[in-house]
Amino acid sequence: MPAEYQSALSKAQDYSSIMHMSKEGIREQLSSENGEKFSQQAAQYAVDNLQADYNANALAKAREYQETMHMSPAAIQEQLTSQYGEKFTQEEAAYAVQHLNQ
């Protein structure tokens, strides 16, 4: 495995465990010119091989929005799925909103 791929995977693990990012959000951050600048191939390898619980990430992010920004469940779901927001799937966002108060 090329060193770039391993570095991208390590960075992806950080984004998932520390920042609770979505799969698409991580992939974009890794390959972005304004982000980590990994190749598209390395970024894709990283998200394909990342052992992440994206439902848990969406829930953690939803709780942040609820606690710090006092957003409604509908606004949280929209922010979680937004192309300009967190980029979670509809299913991950629905899981997060459903489990917000548990």
PDB file of N, CA and C in Angstrom:
ATOM      1  N   MET A   1       0.837  -1.174   0.000  1.00  0.00           N
ATOM      2  CA  MET A   1       0.000   0.000   0.000  1.00  0.00           C
ATOM      3  C   MET A   1       0.887   1.245   0.000  1.00  0.00           C
ATOM      4  N   PRO A   2       0.581   2.195  -0.886  1.00  0.00           N
ATOM      5  CA  PRO A   2       1.377   3.429  -0.901  1.00  0.00           C
ATOM      6  C   PRO A   2       1.250   4.199   0.422  1.00  0.00           C
ATOM      7  N   ALA A   3       2.315   4.875   0.783  1.00  0.00           N
ATOM      8  CA  ALA A   3       2.326   5.650   2.024  1.00  0.00           C
ATOM      9  C   ALA A   3       1.209   6.690   2.043  1.00  0.00           C
ATOM     10  N   GLU A   4       0.910   7.286   0.883  1.00  0.00           N
ATOM     11  CA  GLU A   4      -0.169   8.281   0.816  1.00  0.00           C
ATOM     12  C   GLU A   4      -1.505   7.678   1.249  1.00  0.00           C
ATOM     13  N   TYR A   5      -1.758   6.438   0.870  1.00  0.00           N
ATOM     14  CA  TYR A   5      -3.014   5.785   1.220  1.00  0.00           C
ATOM     15  C   TYR A   5      -3.096   5.569   2.732  1.00  0.00           C
ATOM     16  N   GLN A   6      -2.003   5.138   3.323  1.00  0.00           N
ATOM     17  CA  GLN A   6      -1.980   4.923   4.766  1.00  0.00           C
ATOM     18  C   GLN A   6      -2.158   6.240   5.506  1.00  0.00           C
ATOM     19  N   SER A   7      -1.521   7.301   5.024  1.00  0.00           N
ATOM     20  CA  SER A   7      -1.671   8.624   5.645  1.00  0.00           C
ATOM     21  C   SER A   7      -3.113   9.112   5.528  1.00  0.00           C
ATOM     22  N   ALA A   8      -3.716   8.898   4.379  1.00  0.00           N
ATOM     23  CA  ALA A   8      -5.108   9.309   4.187  1.00  0.00           C
ATOM     24  C   ALA A   8      -6.028   8.537   5.122  1.00  0.00           C
ATOM     25  N   LEU A   9      -5.780   7.247   5.295  1.00  0.00           N
ATOM     26  CA  LEU A   9      -6.592   6.440   6.200  1.00  0.00           C
ATOM     27  C   LEU A   9      -6.427   6.916   7.638  1.00  0.00           C
ATOM     28  N   SER A  10      -5.212   7.218   8.055  1.00  0.00           N
ATOM     29  CA  SER A  10      -4.987   7.730   9.412  1.00  0.00           C
ATOM     30  C   SER A  10      -5.714   9.043   9.633  1.00  0.00           C
ATOM     31  N   LYS A  11      -5.662   9.937   8.657  1.00  0.00           N
ATOM     32  CA  LYS A  11      -6.343  11.225   8.762  1.00  0.00           C
ATOM     33  C   LYS A  11      -7.859  11.015   8.788  1.00  0.00           C
ATOM     34  N   ALA A  12      -8.345  10.074   7.987  1.00  0.00           N
ATOM     35  CA  ALA A  12      -9.779   9.767   7.972  1.00  0.00           C
ATOM     36  C   ALA A  12     -10.245   9.271   9.343  1.00  0.00           C
ATOM     37  N   GLN A  13      -9.417   8.453   9.996  1.00  0.00           N
ATOM     38  CA  GLN A  13      -9.756   7.968  11.330  1.00  0.00           C
ATOM     39  C   GLN A  13      -9.884   9.127  12.308  1.00  0.00           C
ATOM     40  N   ASP A  14      -9.008  10.108  12.194  1.00  0.00           N
ATOM     41  CA  ASP A  14      -9.092  11.300  13.047  1.00  0.00           C
ATOM     42  C   ASP A  14     -10.390  12.063  12.796  1.00  0.00           C
ATOM     43  N   TYR A  15     -10.710  12.290  11.528  1.00  0.00           N
ATOM     44  CA  TYR A  15     -11.926  13.032  11.197  1.00  0.00           C
ATOM     45  C   TYR A  15     -13.170  12.307  11.708  1.00  0.00           C
ATOM     46  N   SER A  16     -13.162  10.999  11.652  1.00  0.00           N
ATOM     47  CA  SER A  16     -14.311  10.238  12.127  1.00  0.00           C
ATOM     48  C   SER A  16     -14.410  10.251  13.648  1.00  0.00           C
ATOM     49  N   SER A  17     -13.315   9.957  14.318  1.00  0.00           N
ATOM     50  CA  SER A  17     -13.381   9.796  15.774  1.00  0.00           C
ATOM     51  C   SER A  17     -13.388  11.112  16.534  1.00  0.00           C
ATOM     52  N   ILE A  18     -12.771  12.145  16.008  1.00  0.00           N
ATOM     53  CA  ILE A  18     -12.689  13.421  16.715  1.00  0.00           C
ATOM     54  C   ILE A  18     -13.782  14.389  16.266  1.00  0.00           C
ATOM     55  N   MET A  19     -14.009  14.452  14.957  1.00  0.00           N
ATOM     56  CA  MET A  19     -14.944  15.437  14.428  1.00  0.00           C
ATOM     57  C   MET A  19     -16.296  14.836  14.025  1.00  0.00           C
ATOM     58  N   HIS A  20     -16.427  13.513  14.113  1.00  0.00           N
ATOM     59  CA  HIS A  20     -17.693  12.821  13.837  1.00  0.00           C
ATOM     60  C   HIS A  20     -18.244  13.166  12.457  1.00  0.00           C
ATOM     61  N   MET A  21     -17.387  13.088  11.455  1.00  0.00           N
ATOM     62  CA  MET A  21     -17.778  13.458  10.107  1.00  0.00           C
ATOM     63  C   MET A  21     -18.422  12.293   9.359  1.00  0.00           C
ATOM     64  N   SER A  22     -19.177  12.638   8.315  1.00  0.00           N
ATOM     65  CA  SER A  22     -19.806  11.648   7.444  1.00  0.00           C
ATOM     66  C   SER A  22     -18.768  11.077   6.469  1.00  0.00           C
ATOM     67  N   LYS A  23     -19.127   9.980   5.844  1.00  0.00           N
ATOM     68  CA  LYS A  23     -18.235   9.358   4.858  1.00  0.00           C
ATOM     69  C   LYS A  23     -17.925  10.336   3.732  1.00  0.00           C
ATOM     70  N   GLU A  24     -18.964  10.977   3.186  1.00  0.00           N
ATOM     71  CA  GLU A  24     -18.760  11.917   2.089  1.00  0.00           C
ATOM     72  C   GLU A  24     -17.984  13.143   2.554  1.00  0.00           C
ATOM     73  N   GLY A  25     -18.274  13.607   3.759  1.00  0.00           N
ATOM     74  CA  GLY A  25     -17.535  14.751   4.299  1.00  0.00           C
ATOM     75  C   GLY A  25     -16.055  14.453   4.458  1.00  0.00           C
ATOM     76  N   ILE A  26     -15.747  13.262   4.932  1.00  0.00           N
ATOM     77  CA  ILE A  26     -14.347  12.855   5.082  1.00  0.00           C
ATOM     78  C   ILE A  26     -13.662  12.757   3.724  1.00  0.00           C
ATOM     79  N   ARG A  27     -14.331  12.098   2.778  1.00  0.00           N
ATOM     80  CA  ARG A  27     -13.745  11.938   1.443  1.00  0.00           C
ATOM     81  C   ARG A  27     -13.432  13.298   0.825  1.00  0.00           C
ATOM     82  N   GLU A  28     -14.375  14.219   0.921  1.00  0.00           N
ATOM     83  CA  GLU A  28     -14.158  15.553   0.354  1.00  0.00           C
ATOM     84  C   GLU A  28     -13.048  16.307   1.069  1.00  0.00           C
ATOM     85  N   GLN A  29     -13.008  16.213   2.383  1.00  0.00           N
ATOM     86  CA  GLN A  29     -11.966  16.913   3.147  1.00  0.00           C
ATOM     87  C   GLN A  29     -10.579  16.371   2.804  1.00  0.00           C
ATOM     88  N   LEU A  30     -10.480  15.072   2.633  1.00  0.00           N
ATOM     89  CA  LEU A  30      -9.186  14.470   2.306  1.00  0.00           C
ATOM     90  C   LEU A  30      -8.677  14.908   0.938  1.00  0.00           C
ATOM     91  N   SER A  31      -9.574  15.034  -0.027  1.00  0.00           N
ATOM     92  CA  SER A  31      -9.144  15.308  -1.396  1.00  0.00           C
ATOM     93  C   SER A  31      -9.233  16.787  -1.788  1.00  0.00           C
ATOM     94  N   SER A  32      -9.778  17.600  -0.933  1.00  0.00           N
ATOM     95  CA  SER A  32      -9.993  19.011  -1.265  1.00  0.00           C
ATOM     96  C   SER A  32      -8.684  19.792  -1.388  1.00  0.00           C
ATOM     97  N   GLU A  33      -8.669  20.716  -2.332  1.00  0.00           N
ATOM     98  CA  GLU A  33      -7.544  21.644  -2.468  1.00  0.00           C
ATOM     99  C   GLU A  33      -7.431  22.536  -1.238  1.00  0.00           C
ATOM    100  N   ASN A  34      -8.556  22.755  -0.556  1.00  0.00           N
ATOM    101  CA  ASN A  34      -8.558  23.559   0.663  1.00  0.00           C
ATOM    102  C   ASN A  34      -8.437  22.703   1.917  1.00  0.00           C
ATOM    103  N   GLY A  35      -8.304  21.406   1.712  1.00  0.00           N
ATOM    104  CA  GLY A  35      -8.196  20.481   2.834  1.00  0.00           C
ATOM    105  C   GLY A  35      -6.841  19.793   2.847  1.00  0.00           C
ATOM    106  N   GLU A  36      -6.878  18.472   2.805  1.00  0.00           N
ATOM    107  CA  GLU A  36      -5.659  17.676   2.954  1.00  0.00           C
ATOM    108  C   GLU A  36      -4.891  17.443   1.655  1.00  0.00           C
ATOM    109  N   LYS A  37      -5.534  17.637   0.521  1.00  0.00           N
ATOM    110  CA  LYS A  37      -4.902  17.534  -0.806  1.00  0.00           C
ATOM    111  C   LYS A  37      -4.386  16.139  -1.146  1.00  0.00           C
ATOM    112  N   PHE A  38      -5.016  15.104  -0.585  1.00  0.00           N
ATOM    113  CA  PHE A  38      -4.686  13.751  -1.001  1.00  0.00           C
ATOM    114  C   PHE A  38      -5.280  13.519  -2.386  1.00  0.00           C
ATOM    115  N   SER A  39      -4.723  12.556  -3.116  1.00  0.00           N
ATOM    116  CA  SER A  39      -5.296  12.202  -4.408  1.00  0.00           C
ATOM    117  C   SER A  39      -6.708  11.639  -4.200  1.00  0.00           C
ATOM    118  N   GLN A  40      -7.516  11.707  -5.255  1.00  0.00           N
ATOM    119  CA  GLN A  40      -8.874  11.133  -5.188  1.00  0.00           C
ATOM    120  C   GLN A  40      -8.808   9.644  -4.842  1.00  0.00           C
ATOM    121  N   GLN A  41      -7.801   8.961  -5.386  1.00  0.00           N
ATOM    122  CA  GLN A  41      -7.664   7.523  -5.148  1.00  0.00           C
ATOM    123  C   GLN A  41      -7.340   7.235  -3.682  1.00  0.00           C
ATOM    124  N   ALA A  42      -6.454   8.033  -3.097  1.00  0.00           N
ATOM    125  CA  ALA A  42      -6.093   7.833  -1.686  1.00  0.00           C
ATOM    126  C   ALA A  42      -7.285   8.145  -0.786  1.00  0.00           C
ATOM    127  N   ALA A  43      -8.021   9.210  -1.107  1.00  0.00           N
ATOM    128  CA  ALA A  43      -9.202   9.567  -0.313  1.00  0.00           C
ATOM    129  C   ALA A  43     -10.254   8.474  -0.394  1.00  0.00           C
ATOM    130  N   GLN A  44     -10.468   7.933  -1.575  1.00  0.00           N
ATOM    131  CA  GLN A  44     -11.455   6.865  -1.735  1.00  0.00           C
ATOM    132  C   GLN A  44     -11.015   5.605  -0.997  1.00  0.00           C
ATOM    133  N   TYR A  45      -9.734   5.280  -1.095  1.00  0.00           N
ATOM    134  CA  TYR A  45      -9.212   4.134  -0.346  1.00  0.00           C
ATOM    135  C   TYR A  45      -9.469   4.316   1.148  1.00  0.00           C
ATOM    136  N   ALA A  46      -9.219   5.517   1.650  1.00  0.00           N
ATOM    137  CA  ALA A  46      -9.371   5.786   3.079  1.00  0.00           C
ATOM    138  C   ALA A  46     -10.810   5.569   3.535  1.00  0.00           C
ATOM    139  N   VAL A  47     -11.774   6.131   2.817  1.00  0.00           N
ATOM    140  CA  VAL A  47     -13.167   5.968   3.263  1.00  0.00           C
ATOM    141  C   VAL A  47     -13.665   4.546   3.029  1.00  0.00           C
ATOM    142  N   ASP A  48     -13.143   3.883   2.007  1.00  0.00           N
ATOM    143  CA  ASP A  48     -13.544   2.493   1.774  1.00  0.00           C
ATOM    144  C   ASP A  48     -13.019   1.558   2.852  1.00  0.00           C
ATOM    145  N   ASN A  49     -11.907   1.909   3.475  1.00  0.00           N
ATOM    146  CA  ASN A  49     -11.275   1.034   4.469  1.00  0.00           C
ATOM    147  C   ASN A  49     -11.413   1.535   5.903  1.00  0.00           C
ATOM    148  N   LEU A  50     -12.091   2.631   6.084  1.00  0.00           N
ATOM    149  CA  LEU A  50     -12.301   3.195   7.416  1.00  0.00           C
ATOM    150  C   LEU A  50     -13.355   2.393   8.156  1.00  0.00           C
ATOM    151  N   GLN A  51     -13.029   1.975   9.358  1.00  0.00           N
ATOM    152  CA  GLN A  51     -13.980   1.270  10.211  1.00  0.00           C
ATOM    153  C   GLN A  51     -14.707   2.326  11.045  1.00  0.00           C
ATOM    154  N   ALA A  52     -15.799   2.864  10.503  1.00  0.00           N
ATOM    155  CA  ALA A  52     -16.515   3.946  11.176  1.00  0.00           C
ATOM    156  C   ALA A  52     -17.984   3.592  11.329  1.00  0.00           C
ATOM    157  N   ASP A  53     -18.573   4.066  12.409  1.00  0.00           N
ATOM    158  CA  ASP A  53     -20.008   3.937  12.639  1.00  0.00           C
ATOM    159  C   ASP A  53     -20.618   5.295  12.306  1.00  0.00           C
ATOM    160  N   TYR A  54     -21.103   5.436  11.071  1.00  0.00           N
ATOM    161  CA  TYR A  54     -21.608   6.729  10.624  1.00  0.00           C
ATOM    162  C   TYR A  54     -22.925   7.099  11.294  1.00  0.00           C
ATOM    163  N   ASN A  55     -23.701   6.120  11.757  1.00  0.00           N
ATOM    164  CA  ASN A  55     -24.889   6.441  12.554  1.00  0.00           C
ATOM    165  C   ASN A  55     -24.464   7.127  13.850  1.00  0.00           C
ATOM    166  N   ALA A  56     -23.441   6.590  14.492  1.00  0.00           N
ATOM    167  CA  ALA A  56     -22.940   7.182  15.735  1.00  0.00           C
ATOM    168  C   ALA A  56     -22.354   8.568  15.476  1.00  0.00           C
ATOM    169  N   ASN A  57     -21.658   8.730  14.355  1.00  0.00           N
ATOM    170  CA  ASN A  57     -21.111  10.045  14.013  1.00  0.00           C
ATOM    171  C   ASN A  57     -22.232  11.051  13.802  1.00  0.00           C
ATOM    172  N   ALA A  58     -23.277  10.649  13.073  1.00  0.00           N
ATOM    173  CA  ALA A  58     -24.417  11.541  12.833  1.00  0.00           C
ATOM    174  C   ALA A  58     -25.094  11.908  14.144  1.00  0.00           C
ATOM    175  N   LEU A  59     -25.241  10.953  15.035  1.00  0.00           N
ATOM    176  CA  LEU A  59     -25.863  11.222  16.332  1.00  0.00           C
ATOM    177  C   LEU A  59     -25.018  12.190  17.160  1.00  0.00           C
ATOM    178  N   ALA A  60     -23.722  11.994  17.181  1.00  0.00           N
ATOM    179  CA  ALA A  60     -22.833  12.909  17.923  1.00  0.00           C
ATOM    180  C   ALA A  60     -22.926  14.322  17.352  1.00  0.00           C
ATOM    181  N   LYS A  61     -22.941  14.438  16.034  1.00  0.00           N
ATOM    182  CA  LYS A  61     -23.035  15.738  15.395  1.00  0.00           C
ATOM    183  C   LYS A  61     -24.402  16.368  15.676  1.00  0.00           C
ATOM    184  N   ALA A  62     -25.465  15.560  15.644  1.00  0.00           N
ATOM    185  CA  ALA A  62     -26.813  16.060  15.932  1.00  0.00           C
ATOM    186  C   ALA A  62     -26.899  16.596  17.357  1.00  0.00           C
ATOM    187  N   ARG A  63     -26.294  15.882  18.289  1.00  0.00           N
ATOM    188  CA  ARG A  63     -26.308  16.349  19.686  1.00  0.00           C
ATOM    189  C   ARG A  63     -25.544  17.658  19.843  1.00  0.00           C
ATOM    190  N   GLU A  64     -24.465  17.825  19.089  1.00  0.00           N
ATOM    191  CA  GLU A  64     -23.740  19.101  19.111  1.00  0.00           C
ATOM    192  C   GLU A  64     -24.658  20.238  18.663  1.00  0.00           C
ATOM    193  N   TYR A  65     -25.375  20.023  17.569  1.00  0.00           N
ATOM    194  CA  TYR A  65     -26.292  21.052  17.071  1.00  0.00           C
ATOM    195  C   TYR A  65     -27.400  21.338  18.075  1.00  0.00           C
ATOM    196  N   GLN A  66     -27.908  20.297  18.710  1.00  0.00           N
ATOM    197  CA  GLN A  66     -28.985  20.468  19.678  1.00  0.00           C
ATOM    198  C   GLN A  66     -28.497  21.236  20.912  1.00  0.00           C
ATOM    199  N   GLU A  67     -27.332  20.882  21.409  1.00  0.00           N
ATOM    200  CA  GLU A  67     -26.838  21.456  22.658  1.00  0.00           C
ATOM    201  C   GLU A  67     -26.203  22.829  22.483  1.00  0.00           C
ATOM    202  N   THR A  68     -25.514  23.055  21.376  1.00  0.00           N
ATOM    203  CA  THR A  68     -24.806  24.323  21.234  1.00  0.00           C
ATOM    204  C   THR A  68     -25.556  25.355  20.411  1.00  0.00           C
ATOM    205  N   MET A  69     -26.411  24.895  19.493  1.00  0.00           N
ATOM    206  CA  MET A  69     -27.123  25.829  18.628  1.00  0.00           C
ATOM    207  C   MET A  69     -28.627  25.803  18.851  1.00  0.00           C
ATOM    208  N   HIS A  70     -29.079  24.891  19.729  1.00  0.00           N
ATOM    209  CA  HIS A  70     -30.496  24.798  20.095  1.00  0.00           C
ATOM    210  C   HIS A  70     -31.394  24.675  18.868  1.00  0.00           C
ATOM    211  N   MET A  71     -30.979  23.839  17.935  1.00  0.00           N
ATOM    212  CA  MET A  71     -31.727  23.635  16.693  1.00  0.00           C
ATOM    213  C   MET A  71     -32.851  22.624  16.900  1.00  0.00           C
ATOM    214  N   SER A  72     -33.902  22.769  16.118  1.00  0.00           N
ATOM    215  CA  SER A  72     -35.021  21.822  16.135  1.00  0.00           C
ATOM    216  C   SER A  72     -34.597  20.522  15.459  1.00  0.00           C
ATOM    217  N   PRO A  73     -35.303  19.418  15.741  1.00  0.00           N
ATOM    218  CA  PRO A  73     -34.980  18.162  15.064  1.00  0.00           C
ATOM    219  C   PRO A  73     -35.041  18.280  13.541  1.00  0.00           C
ATOM    220  N   ALA A  74     -36.020  18.998  13.017  1.00  0.00           N
ATOM    221  CA  ALA A  74     -36.121  19.152  11.558  1.00  0.00           C
ATOM    222  C   ALA A  74     -34.924  19.917  10.999  1.00  0.00           C
ATOM    223  N   ALA A  75     -34.503  20.963  11.689  1.00  0.00           N
ATOM    224  CA  ALA A  75     -33.342  21.739  11.239  1.00  0.00           C
ATOM    225  C   ALA A  75     -32.064  20.915  11.344  1.00  0.00           C
ATOM    226  N   ILE A  76     -31.969  20.113  12.382  1.00  0.00           N
ATOM    227  CA  ILE A  76     -30.797  19.240  12.548  1.00  0.00           C
ATOM    228  C   ILE A  76     -30.740  18.235  11.401  1.00  0.00           C
ATOM    229  N   GLN A  77     -31.875  17.610  11.098  1.00  0.00           N
ATOM    230  CA  GLN A  77     -31.883  16.626  10.016  1.00  0.00           C
ATOM    231  C   GLN A  77     -31.477  17.285   8.701  1.00  0.00           C
ATOM    232  N   GLU A  78     -31.977  18.478   8.452  1.00  0.00           N
ATOM    233  CA  GLU A  78     -31.617  19.184   7.220  1.00  0.00           C
ATOM    234  C   GLU A  78     -30.124  19.502   7.178  1.00  0.00           C
ATOM    235  N   GLN A  79     -29.567  19.953   8.295  1.00  0.00           N
ATOM    236  CA  GLN A  79     -28.141  20.287   8.359  1.00  0.00           C
ATOM    237  C   GLN A  79     -27.275  19.040   8.173  1.00  0.00           C
ATOM    238  N   LEU A  80     -27.713  17.936   8.751  1.00  0.00           N
ATOM    239  CA  LEU A  80     -26.944  16.695   8.639  1.00  0.00           C
ATOM    240  C   LEU A  80     -26.875  16.182   7.203  1.00  0.00           C
ATOM    241  N   THR A  81     -27.943  16.389   6.443  1.00  0.00           N
ATOM    242  CA  THR A  81     -27.991  15.847   5.084  1.00  0.00           C
ATOM    243  C   THR A  81     -27.609  16.862   4.015  1.00  0.00           C
ATOM    244  N   SER A  82     -27.480  18.097   4.390  1.00  0.00           N
ATOM    245  CA  SER A  82     -27.225  19.155   3.412  1.00  0.00           C
ATOM    246  C   SER A  82     -25.920  18.939   2.656  1.00  0.00           C
ATOM    247  N   GLN A  83     -25.973  19.221   1.377  1.00  0.00           N
ATOM    248  CA  GLN A  83     -24.778  19.196   0.538  1.00  0.00           C
ATOM    249  C   GLN A  83     -23.782  20.252   1.001  1.00  0.00           C
ATOM    250  N   TYR A  84     -24.288  21.296   1.635  1.00  0.00           N
ATOM    251  CA  TYR A  84     -23.427  22.369   2.137  1.00  0.00           C
ATOM    252  C   TYR A  84     -23.162  22.227   3.633  1.00  0.00           C
ATOM    253  N   GLY A  85     -23.718  21.178   4.226  1.00  0.00           N
ATOM    254  CA  GLY A  85     -23.540  20.914   5.647  1.00  0.00           C
ATOM    255  C   GLY A  85     -22.694  19.675   5.867  1.00  0.00           C
ATOM    256  N   GLU A  86     -23.265  18.727   6.580  1.00  0.00           N
ATOM    257  CA  GLU A  86     -22.499  17.560   7.030  1.00  0.00           C
ATOM    258  C   GLU A  86     -22.437  16.405   6.030  1.00  0.00           C
ATOM    259  N   LYS A  87     -23.368  16.327   5.100  1.00  0.00           N
ATOM    260  CA  LYS A  87     -23.362  15.327   4.024  1.00  0.00           C
ATOM    261  C   LYS A  87     -23.583  13.886   4.499  1.00  0.00           C
ATOM    262  N   PHE A  88     -24.339  13.708   5.586  1.00  0.00           N
ATOM    263  CA  PHE A  88     -24.725  12.361   5.997  1.00  0.00           C
ATOM    264  C   PHE A  88     -25.840  11.878   5.079  1.00  0.00           C
ATOM    265  N   THR A  89     -26.028  10.571   5.008  1.00  0.00           N
ATOM    266  CA  THR A  89     -27.136  10.027   4.228  1.00  0.00           C
ATOM    267  C   THR A  89     -28.446  10.322   4.956  1.00  0.00           C
ATOM    268  N   GLN A  90     -29.546  10.216   4.222  1.00  0.00           N
ATOM    269  CA  GLN A  90     -30.872  10.415   4.833  1.00  0.00           C
ATOM    270  C   GLN A  90     -31.079   9.411   5.974  1.00  0.00           C
ATOM    271  N   GLU A  91     -30.627   8.189   5.779  1.00  0.00           N
ATOM    272  CA  GLU A  91     -30.802   7.148   6.799  1.00  0.00           C
ATOM    273  C   GLU A  91     -30.005   7.462   8.063  1.00  0.00           C
ATOM    274  N   GLU A  92     -28.775   7.914   7.895  1.00  0.00           N
ATOM    275  CA  GLU A  92     -27.939   8.266   9.056  1.00  0.00           C
ATOM    276  C   GLU A  92     -28.538   9.443   9.810  1.00  0.00           C
ATOM    277  N   ALA A  93     -29.029  10.437   9.086  1.00  0.00           N
ATOM    278  CA  ALA A  93     -29.640  11.607   9.728  1.00  0.00           C
ATOM    279  C   ALA A  93     -30.921  11.219  10.454  1.00  0.00           C
ATOM    280  N   ALA A  94     -31.730  10.361   9.843  1.00  0.00           N
ATOM    281  CA  ALA A  94     -32.965   9.910  10.488  1.00  0.00           C
ATOM    282  C   ALA A  94     -32.659   9.154  11.774  1.00  0.00           C
ATOM    283  N   TYR A  95     -31.653   8.306  11.727  1.00  0.00           N
ATOM    284  CA  TYR A  95     -31.216   7.588  12.936  1.00  0.00           C
ATOM    285  C   TYR A  95     -30.841   8.583  14.034  1.00  0.00           C
ATOM    286  N   ALA A  96     -30.056   9.590  13.662  1.00  0.00           N
ATOM    287  CA  ALA A  96     -29.578  10.568  14.639  1.00  0.00           C
ATOM    288  C   ALA A  96     -30.738  11.311  15.284  1.00  0.00           C
ATOM    289  N   VAL A  97     -31.671  11.790  14.479  1.00  0.00           N
ATOM    290  CA  VAL A  97     -32.795  12.551  15.012  1.00  0.00           C
ATOM    291  C   VAL A  97     -33.675  11.655  15.873  1.00  0.00           C
ATOM    292  N   GLN A  98     -33.862  10.425  15.450  1.00  0.00           N
ATOM    293  CA  GLN A  98     -34.680   9.480  16.209  1.00  0.00           C
ATOM    294  C   GLN A  98     -34.087   9.201  17.589  1.00  0.00           C
ATOM    295  N   HIS A  99     -32.769   9.224  17.704  1.00  0.00           N
ATOM    296  CA  HIS A  99     -32.109   8.857  18.963  1.00  0.00           C
ATOM    297  C   HIS A  99     -31.558  10.073  19.737  1.00  0.00           C
ATOM    298  N   LEU A 100     -31.917  11.271  19.327  1.00  0.00           N
ATOM    299  CA  LEU A 100     -31.388  12.487  19.949  1.00  0.00           C
ATOM    300  C   LEU A 100     -31.548  12.518  21.470  1.00  0.00           C
ATOM    301  N   ASN A 101     -32.692  12.131  21.956  1.00  0.00           N
ATOM    302  CA  ASN A 101     -32.983  12.293  23.389  1.00  0.00           C
ATOM    303  C   ASN A 101     -32.882  10.996  24.172  1.00  0.00           C
ATOM    304  N   GLN A 102     -32.116  10.064  23.642  1.00  0.00           N
ATOM    305  CA  GLN A 102     -31.941   8.789  24.350  1.00  0.00           C
ATOM    306  C   GLN A 102     -30.616   8.740  25.040  1.00  0.00           C
TER     307      GLN A 102
END
